[in-house]
Amino acid sequence: MRSVITEYEPLDLYSGDEKRMETAMQALWNLWSTSEGQSNSWRVFVNGQAVEVGEVSTGPPSGRT
């Protein structure tokens, strides 16, 4: 990811602050989906099965219900 400009800040992911963690996850998701899974080594699993970008119809959940 060094060659890609991104909103992702690793410290946010591990901060313990829910909003910062959500921001980091959203940035990872956006990078993964816009690069079609090629820009980082982040993998998405659903029910224990790896999925590709084209197999996902929505982004990660945001907020709590």
Protein backbone atom coordinates (compact mmCIF):
# COMPACT_ATOMS: atom_id res chain seq x y z
CA MET A 1 0.00 0.00 0.00
CA ARG A 2 3.00 2.31 0.09
CA SER A 3 2.50 3.31 -3.53
CA VAL A 4 -1.24 3.98 -3.14
CA ILE A 5 -2.65 7.13 -1.58
CA THR A 6 -5.41 6.11 0.81
CA GLU A 7 -7.49 7.35 3.74
CA TYR A 8 -6.49 4.26 5.74
CA GLU A 9 -4.63 4.92 8.98
CA PRO A 10 -3.48 1.70 10.71
CA LEU A 11 -3.48 3.32 14.15
CA ASP A 12 -7.21 4.02 13.77
CA LEU A 13 -7.94 0.32 13.29
CA TYR A 14 -6.37 -0.58 16.63
CA SER A 15 -7.35 2.58 18.55
CA GLY A 16 -10.27 1.09 20.48
CA ASP A 17 -12.34 4.12 19.43
CA GLU A 18 -15.39 2.86 17.55
CA LYS A 19 -15.61 5.80 15.14
CA ARG A 20 -11.89 5.67 14.26
CA MET A 21 -12.08 1.89 13.80
CA GLU A 22 -15.12 2.28 11.53
CA THR A 23 -13.28 4.93 9.49
CA ALA A 24 -10.29 2.60 9.07
CA MET A 25 -12.50 -0.32 8.02
CA GLN A 26 -14.36 1.86 5.52
CA ALA A 27 -11.05 3.06 4.04
CA LEU A 28 -9.80 -0.54 3.69
CA TRP A 29 -13.11 -1.56 2.13
CA ASN A 30 -13.04 1.33 -0.34
CA LEU A 31 -9.47 0.60 -1.38
CA TRP A 32 -10.24 -3.11 -1.78
CA SER A 33 -13.39 -2.52 -3.83
CA THR A 34 -12.09 0.27 -6.07
CA SER A 35 -8.89 -1.66 -6.85
CA GLU A 36 -10.89 -4.87 -7.40
CA GLY A 37 -8.87 -6.52 -4.64
CA GLN A 38 -5.49 -5.75 -6.17
CA SER A 39 -4.16 -2.83 -4.08
CA ASN A 40 -3.79 -4.54 -0.72
CA SER A 41 -3.66 -8.00 0.73
CA TRP A 42 -6.93 -7.54 2.63
CA ARG A 43 -9.27 -10.48 2.16
CA VAL A 44 -13.01 -10.62 2.82
CA PHE A 45 -14.62 -13.81 4.07
CA VAL A 46 -18.32 -14.66 4.31
CA ASN A 47 -19.23 -17.81 6.23
CA GLY A 48 -15.59 -18.89 6.11
CA GLN A 49 -15.31 -18.55 2.31
CA ALA A 50 -13.13 -15.91 0.64
CA VAL A 51 -15.13 -13.66 -1.67
CA GLU A 52 -13.99 -11.54 -4.59
CA VAL A 53 -14.99 -7.92 -5.12
CA GLY A 54 -17.51 -8.79 -7.84
CA GLU A 55 -19.30 -11.21 -5.51
CA VAL A 56 -20.14 -8.53 -2.94
CA SER A 57 -23.27 -6.45 -3.38
CA THR A 58 -22.81 -4.04 -0.47
CA GLY A 59 -20.16 -2.49 1.73
CA PRO A 60 -19.51 -3.19 5.38
CA PRO A 61 -22.30 -2.30 7.80
CA SER A 62 -22.07 1.20 9.22
CA GLY A 63 -23.46 2.28 12.54
CA ARG A 64 -25.52 0.22 14.90
CA THR A 65 -29.22 -0.54 14.74
